[in-house]
Amino acid sequence: MSKTILIVDDSASVRQVVGITLRGAGYQVIEAADGKDALSKLDGQKINLIISDVNMPNMDGISLVKAVKVNPSYKFTPILMLTTESQESKKAEGKAAGAKAWLVKPFQPPTLLSAVTKLA
């Protein structure tokens, strides 16, 4: 059975590129447009990894990480932040919230897959 990854990004093109990369490597992919949409998809099914942007409408990535970490079903699910944010202060904020890794856009698919393999 393949692992399931939730991609959370308000950019449909980013979700598409990440999705193609992950599906090509054999992963199941669920997509969400923002943090609120992502939370609605955390409905008890097994999610092996969440990949989330930071800057999104309705609920940003850091708030999403905090919300996931208080959900008993998903508090141990690793979260990879995939974002244009590269400031150390943002990375520290993400890590403090519970994010396991940080990847800056634009990314190379092999780099993404390497991080996903380590986390999922």
N, C-alpha and C. Protein backbone atom coordinates (compact mmCIF):
# COMPACT_ATOMS: atom_id res chain seq x y z
N MET A 1 0.84 -1.19 0.00
CA MET A 1 0.00 0.00 0.00
C MET A 1 0.88 1.25 0.00
N SER A 2 0.56 2.18 -0.88
CA SER A 2 1.40 3.37 -0.97
C SER A 2 1.06 4.36 0.14
N LYS A 3 1.99 5.23 0.41
CA LYS A 3 1.80 6.24 1.45
C LYS A 3 1.01 7.41 0.89
N THR A 4 0.27 8.07 1.78
CA THR A 4 -0.58 9.19 1.38
C THR A 4 0.01 10.50 1.88
N ILE A 5 0.08 11.47 0.98
CA ILE A 5 0.63 12.78 1.31
C ILE A 5 -0.41 13.85 1.02
N LEU A 6 -0.60 14.75 1.96
CA LEU A 6 -1.51 15.88 1.81
C LEU A 6 -0.69 17.10 1.40
N ILE A 7 -1.02 17.67 0.23
CA ILE A 7 -0.34 18.88 -0.25
C ILE A 7 -1.27 20.06 0.02
N VAL A 8 -0.75 21.07 0.71
CA VAL A 8 -1.55 22.24 1.04
C VAL A 8 -0.87 23.49 0.46
N ASP A 9 -1.49 24.09 -0.56
CA ASP A 9 -0.92 25.28 -1.18
C ASP A 9 -2.04 26.01 -1.90
N ASP A 10 -2.06 27.34 -1.79
CA ASP A 10 -3.11 28.10 -2.46
C ASP A 10 -2.85 28.22 -3.96
N SER A 11 -1.67 27.85 -4.41
CA SER A 11 -1.33 27.89 -5.84
C SER A 11 -1.63 26.53 -6.47
N ALA A 12 -2.60 26.53 -7.39
CA ALA A 12 -2.97 25.28 -8.07
C ALA A 12 -1.79 24.73 -8.85
N SER A 13 -0.97 25.61 -9.43
CA SER A 13 0.17 25.14 -10.22
C SER A 13 1.21 24.46 -9.34
N VAL A 14 1.43 24.98 -8.13
CA VAL A 14 2.37 24.34 -7.21
C VAL A 14 1.82 22.98 -6.79
N ARG A 15 0.53 22.93 -6.44
CA ARG A 15 -0.08 21.64 -6.08
C ARG A 15 0.07 20.63 -7.22
N GLN A 16 -0.10 21.12 -8.45
CA GLN A 16 0.00 20.24 -9.61
C GLN A 16 1.42 19.69 -9.77
N VAL A 17 2.43 20.57 -9.69
CA VAL A 17 3.83 20.14 -9.85
C VAL A 17 4.23 19.17 -8.74
N VAL A 18 3.88 19.51 -7.50
CA VAL A 18 4.21 18.63 -6.37
C VAL A 18 3.46 17.30 -6.52
N GLY A 19 2.20 17.38 -6.90
CA GLY A 19 1.39 16.17 -7.07
C GLY A 19 1.94 15.25 -8.14
N ILE A 20 2.34 15.82 -9.28
CA ILE A 20 2.91 15.01 -10.37
C ILE A 20 4.19 14.34 -9.89
N THR A 21 5.03 15.10 -9.19
CA THR A 21 6.29 14.56 -8.67
C THR A 21 6.03 13.39 -7.73
N LEU A 22 5.11 13.58 -6.79
CA LEU A 22 4.82 12.54 -5.79
C LEU A 22 4.13 11.33 -6.39
N ARG A 23 3.13 11.58 -7.26
CA ARG A 23 2.42 10.45 -7.88
C ARG A 23 3.38 9.62 -8.73
N GLY A 24 4.32 10.33 -9.40
CA GLY A 24 5.31 9.64 -10.22
C GLY A 24 6.20 8.73 -9.39
N ALA A 25 6.35 9.05 -8.10
CA ALA A 25 7.17 8.24 -7.19
C ALA A 25 6.33 7.21 -6.46
N GLY A 26 5.03 7.12 -6.80
CA GLY A 26 4.18 6.07 -6.23
C GLY A 26 3.36 6.46 -5.02
N TYR A 27 3.33 7.75 -4.68
CA TYR A 27 2.55 8.19 -3.52
C TYR A 27 1.11 8.49 -3.91
N GLN A 28 0.20 8.32 -2.94
CA GLN A 28 -1.18 8.79 -3.08
C GLN A 28 -1.16 10.26 -2.67
N VAL A 29 -1.91 11.11 -3.36
CA VAL A 29 -1.88 12.54 -3.07
C VAL A 29 -3.29 13.07 -2.84
N ILE A 30 -3.41 13.86 -1.78
CA ILE A 30 -4.64 14.60 -1.50
C ILE A 30 -4.25 16.07 -1.56
N GLU A 31 -5.09 16.90 -2.18
CA GLU A 31 -4.76 18.32 -2.29
C GLU A 31 -5.73 19.18 -1.51
N ALA A 32 -5.19 20.27 -0.94
CA ALA A 32 -6.01 21.25 -0.23
C ALA A 32 -5.52 22.64 -0.61
N ALA A 33 -6.46 23.60 -0.71
CA ALA A 33 -6.14 24.94 -1.19
C ALA A 33 -5.62 25.88 -0.09
N ASP A 34 -5.89 25.54 1.18
CA ASP A 34 -5.40 26.36 2.29
C ASP A 34 -5.53 25.55 3.58
N GLY A 35 -5.14 26.14 4.68
CA GLY A 35 -5.15 25.42 5.95
C GLY A 35 -6.52 24.91 6.35
N LYS A 36 -7.55 25.74 6.17
CA LYS A 36 -8.91 25.31 6.55
C LYS A 36 -9.35 24.12 5.70
N ASP A 37 -9.06 24.19 4.41
CA ASP A 37 -9.40 23.09 3.50
C ASP A 37 -8.65 21.82 3.93
N ALA A 38 -7.38 21.99 4.31
CA ALA A 38 -6.57 20.84 4.75
C ALA A 38 -7.17 20.20 5.99
N LEU A 39 -7.56 21.01 6.97
CA LEU A 39 -8.14 20.47 8.20
C LEU A 39 -9.41 19.68 7.91
N SER A 40 -10.19 20.14 6.93
CA SER A 40 -11.43 19.43 6.59
C SER A 40 -11.13 18.06 5.98
N LYS A 41 -9.91 17.88 5.46
CA LYS A 41 -9.55 16.60 4.84
C LYS A 41 -8.87 15.64 5.83
N LEU A 42 -8.58 16.15 7.02
CA LEU A 42 -8.02 15.29 8.07
C LEU A 42 -9.19 14.64 8.81
N ASP A 43 -9.78 13.65 8.16
CA ASP A 43 -11.04 13.07 8.65
C ASP A 43 -10.87 11.65 9.19
N GLY A 44 -9.66 11.35 9.65
CA GLY A 44 -9.45 10.03 10.22
C GLY A 44 -8.65 9.11 9.32
N GLN A 45 -8.55 9.44 8.03
CA GLN A 45 -7.75 8.59 7.15
C GLN A 45 -6.27 8.76 7.47
N LYS A 46 -5.49 7.75 7.14
CA LYS A 46 -4.05 7.78 7.43
C LYS A 46 -3.37 8.73 6.46
N ILE A 47 -2.68 9.72 7.01
CA ILE A 47 -1.86 10.64 6.21
C ILE A 47 -0.43 10.44 6.70
N ASN A 48 0.49 10.13 5.79
CA ASN A 48 1.87 9.85 6.18
C ASN A 48 2.72 11.11 6.27
N LEU A 49 2.32 12.15 5.52
CA LEU A 49 3.09 13.39 5.49
C LEU A 49 2.19 14.52 5.01
N ILE A 50 2.41 15.71 5.57
CA ILE A 50 1.73 16.91 5.09
C ILE A 50 2.81 17.84 4.54
N ILE A 51 2.59 18.32 3.32
CA ILE A 51 3.48 19.32 2.71
C ILE A 51 2.66 20.59 2.60
N SER A 52 3.11 21.66 3.26
CA SER A 52 2.30 22.88 3.31
C SER A 52 3.09 24.13 2.98
N ASP A 53 2.43 25.04 2.28
CA ASP A 53 2.94 26.38 2.05
C ASP A 53 2.79 27.15 3.37
N VAL A 54 3.45 28.29 3.48
CA VAL A 54 3.28 29.13 4.67
C VAL A 54 2.24 30.21 4.41
N ASN A 55 2.39 30.95 3.32
CA ASN A 55 1.51 32.08 3.04
C ASN A 55 0.30 31.65 2.22
N MET A 56 -0.86 31.58 2.90
CA MET A 56 -2.11 31.20 2.24
C MET A 56 -3.26 31.98 2.86
N PRO A 57 -4.34 32.17 2.09
CA PRO A 57 -5.52 32.82 2.66
C PRO A 57 -6.25 31.88 3.62
N ASN A 58 -7.17 32.42 4.39
CA ASN A 58 -8.03 31.68 5.33
C ASN A 58 -7.29 31.10 6.53
N MET A 59 -6.24 30.32 6.29
CA MET A 59 -5.42 29.80 7.39
C MET A 59 -4.03 29.55 6.84
N ASP A 60 -3.04 30.23 7.41
CA ASP A 60 -1.67 30.07 6.90
C ASP A 60 -1.05 28.76 7.37
N GLY A 61 0.12 28.46 6.84
CA GLY A 61 0.78 27.18 7.12
C GLY A 61 1.18 26.99 8.57
N ILE A 62 1.64 28.06 9.21
CA ILE A 62 2.06 27.94 10.62
C ILE A 62 0.84 27.63 11.49
N SER A 63 -0.26 28.31 11.23
CA SER A 63 -1.50 28.04 11.98
C SER A 63 -1.98 26.61 11.73
N LEU A 64 -1.81 26.15 10.49
CA LEU A 64 -2.18 24.77 10.16
C LEU A 64 -1.35 23.78 10.97
N VAL A 65 -0.03 24.01 11.03
CA VAL A 65 0.84 23.12 11.80
C VAL A 65 0.37 23.04 13.24
N LYS A 66 0.08 24.20 13.84
CA LYS A 66 -0.38 24.23 15.23
C LYS A 66 -1.69 23.45 15.39
N ALA A 67 -2.61 23.62 14.43
CA ALA A 67 -3.90 22.94 14.50
C ALA A 67 -3.73 21.43 14.35
N VAL A 68 -2.84 21.01 13.46
CA VAL A 68 -2.61 19.57 13.26
C VAL A 68 -2.00 18.95 14.51
N LYS A 69 -1.08 19.66 15.14
CA LYS A 69 -0.36 19.12 16.29
C LYS A 69 -1.25 18.93 17.52
N VAL A 70 -2.40 19.60 17.58
CA VAL A 70 -3.32 19.40 18.71
C VAL A 70 -4.39 18.35 18.40
N ASN A 71 -4.39 17.84 17.16
CA ASN A 71 -5.33 16.80 16.76
C ASN A 71 -4.71 15.44 17.11
N PRO A 72 -5.30 14.71 18.06
CA PRO A 72 -4.71 13.44 18.51
C PRO A 72 -4.41 12.46 17.38
N SER A 73 -5.23 12.46 16.33
CA SER A 73 -5.03 11.51 15.23
C SER A 73 -3.84 11.86 14.35
N TYR A 74 -3.43 13.13 14.37
CA TYR A 74 -2.40 13.57 13.43
C TYR A 74 -1.20 14.25 14.10
N LYS A 75 -1.16 14.27 15.44
CA LYS A 75 -0.11 15.04 16.10
C LYS A 75 1.30 14.51 15.82
N PHE A 76 1.40 13.25 15.40
CA PHE A 76 2.73 12.70 15.07
C PHE A 76 2.99 12.67 13.56
N THR A 77 2.07 13.21 12.77
CA THR A 77 2.26 13.26 11.32
C THR A 77 3.32 14.31 11.00
N PRO A 78 4.39 13.94 10.29
CA PRO A 78 5.42 14.93 9.96
C PRO A 78 4.90 15.97 8.96
N ILE A 79 5.39 17.19 9.11
CA ILE A 79 4.97 18.28 8.23
C ILE A 79 6.21 18.93 7.62
N LEU A 80 6.19 19.03 6.30
CA LEU A 80 7.25 19.68 5.53
C LEU A 80 6.70 21.00 5.02
N MET A 81 7.37 22.09 5.34
CA MET A 81 6.95 23.39 4.84
C MET A 81 7.64 23.61 3.49
N LEU A 82 6.86 23.89 2.47
CA LEU A 82 7.36 24.16 1.12
C LEU A 82 6.91 25.57 0.78
N THR A 83 7.85 26.53 0.81
CA THR A 83 7.46 27.92 0.79
C THR A 83 8.54 28.81 0.16
N THR A 84 8.16 30.03 -0.16
CA THR A 84 9.14 31.01 -0.65
C THR A 84 9.86 31.68 0.53
N GLU A 85 9.34 31.47 1.74
CA GLU A 85 9.93 32.09 2.94
C GLU A 85 11.25 31.43 3.28
N SER A 86 12.32 32.22 3.37
CA SER A 86 13.62 31.64 3.70
C SER A 86 14.26 32.29 4.94
N GLN A 87 13.54 33.23 5.57
CA GLN A 87 14.10 33.89 6.76
C GLN A 87 14.20 32.90 7.92
N GLU A 88 15.29 33.01 8.64
CA GLU A 88 15.50 32.12 9.79
C GLU A 88 14.37 32.27 10.83
N SER A 89 13.85 33.50 10.98
CA SER A 89 12.79 33.72 11.98
C SER A 89 11.53 32.92 11.61
N LYS A 90 11.21 32.88 10.31
CA LYS A 90 10.04 32.10 9.87
C LYS A 90 10.29 30.61 10.08
N LYS A 91 11.51 30.16 9.75
CA LYS A 91 11.86 28.75 9.93
C LYS A 91 11.74 28.37 11.40
N ALA A 92 12.24 29.26 12.27
CA ALA A 92 12.18 29.00 13.71
C ALA A 92 10.72 28.93 14.18
N GLU A 93 9.89 29.83 13.64
CA GLU A 93 8.47 29.84 13.99
C GLU A 93 7.81 28.53 13.56
N GLY A 94 8.15 28.07 12.36
CA GLY A 94 7.60 26.80 11.85
C GLY A 94 8.05 25.63 12.69
N LYS A 95 9.33 25.62 13.05
CA LYS A 95 9.88 24.52 13.85
C LYS A 95 9.23 24.51 15.23
N ALA A 96 9.07 25.69 15.82
CA ALA A 96 8.43 25.80 17.13
C ALA A 96 7.00 25.29 17.09
N ALA A 97 6.32 25.51 15.96
CA ALA A 97 4.93 25.05 15.81
C ALA A 97 4.86 23.54 15.63
N GLY A 98 5.95 22.94 15.14
CA GLY A 98 5.96 21.49 14.97
C GLY A 98 6.36 21.00 13.59
N ALA A 99 6.74 21.91 12.68
CA ALA A 99 7.18 21.48 11.34
C ALA A 99 8.50 20.73 11.45
N LYS A 100 8.65 19.65 10.70
CA LYS A 100 9.85 18.81 10.77
C LYS A 100 10.92 19.26 9.78
N ALA A 101 10.52 19.87 8.65
CA ALA A 101 11.49 20.25 7.63
C ALA A 101 11.00 21.48 6.88
N TRP A 102 11.93 22.13 6.18
CA TRP A 102 11.64 23.39 5.48
C TRP A 102 12.33 23.33 4.13
N LEU A 103 11.57 23.50 3.06
CA LEU A 103 12.12 23.49 1.71
C LEU A 103 11.67 24.79 1.04
N VAL A 104 12.64 25.50 0.44
CA VAL A 104 12.32 26.79 -0.17
C VAL A 104 12.03 26.62 -1.66
N LYS A 105 10.94 27.30 -2.12
CA LYS A 105 10.58 27.32 -3.53
C LYS A 105 11.48 28.34 -4.22
N PRO A 106 11.79 28.19 -5.49
CA PRO A 106 11.47 27.02 -6.31
C PRO A 106 12.33 25.84 -5.89
N PHE A 107 11.80 24.65 -6.07
CA PHE A 107 12.50 23.44 -5.63
C PHE A 107 12.76 22.54 -6.84
N GLN A 108 13.71 21.66 -6.69
CA GLN A 108 13.97 20.63 -7.70
C GLN A 108 13.24 19.36 -7.26
N PRO A 109 12.51 18.70 -8.15
CA PRO A 109 11.79 17.48 -7.76
C PRO A 109 12.65 16.45 -7.02
N PRO A 110 13.91 16.19 -7.44
CA PRO A 110 14.71 15.21 -6.67
C PRO A 110 14.94 15.63 -5.22
N THR A 111 15.08 16.95 -4.99
CA THR A 111 15.26 17.46 -3.62
C THR A 111 14.00 17.22 -2.80
N LEU A 112 12.85 17.49 -3.41
CA LEU A 112 11.57 17.25 -2.73
C LEU A 112 11.41 15.77 -2.40
N LEU A 113 11.67 14.91 -3.37
CA LEU A 113 11.51 13.47 -3.14
C LEU A 113 12.46 12.95 -2.09
N SER A 114 13.66 13.50 -2.03
CA SER A 114 14.62 13.10 -1.01
C SER A 114 14.08 13.43 0.37
N ALA A 115 13.54 14.66 0.53
CA ALA A 115 12.96 15.06 1.82
C ALA A 115 11.74 14.21 2.17
N VAL A 116 10.89 13.95 1.18
CA VAL A 116 9.69 13.15 1.41
C VAL A 116 10.05 11.73 1.84
N THR A 117 11.06 11.15 1.20
CA THR A 117 11.49 9.80 1.53
C THR A 117 11.95 9.71 2.98
N LYS A 118 12.63 10.75 3.45
CA LYS A 118 13.12 10.76 4.83
C LYS A 118 11.99 10.92 5.84
N LEU A 119 10.95 11.65 5.46
CA LEU A 119 9.89 12.00 6.40
C LEU A 119 8.67 11.06 6.39
N ALA A 120 8.29 10.61 5.22
CA ALA A 120 7.03 9.85 5.10
C ALA A 120 7.18 8.41 5.54
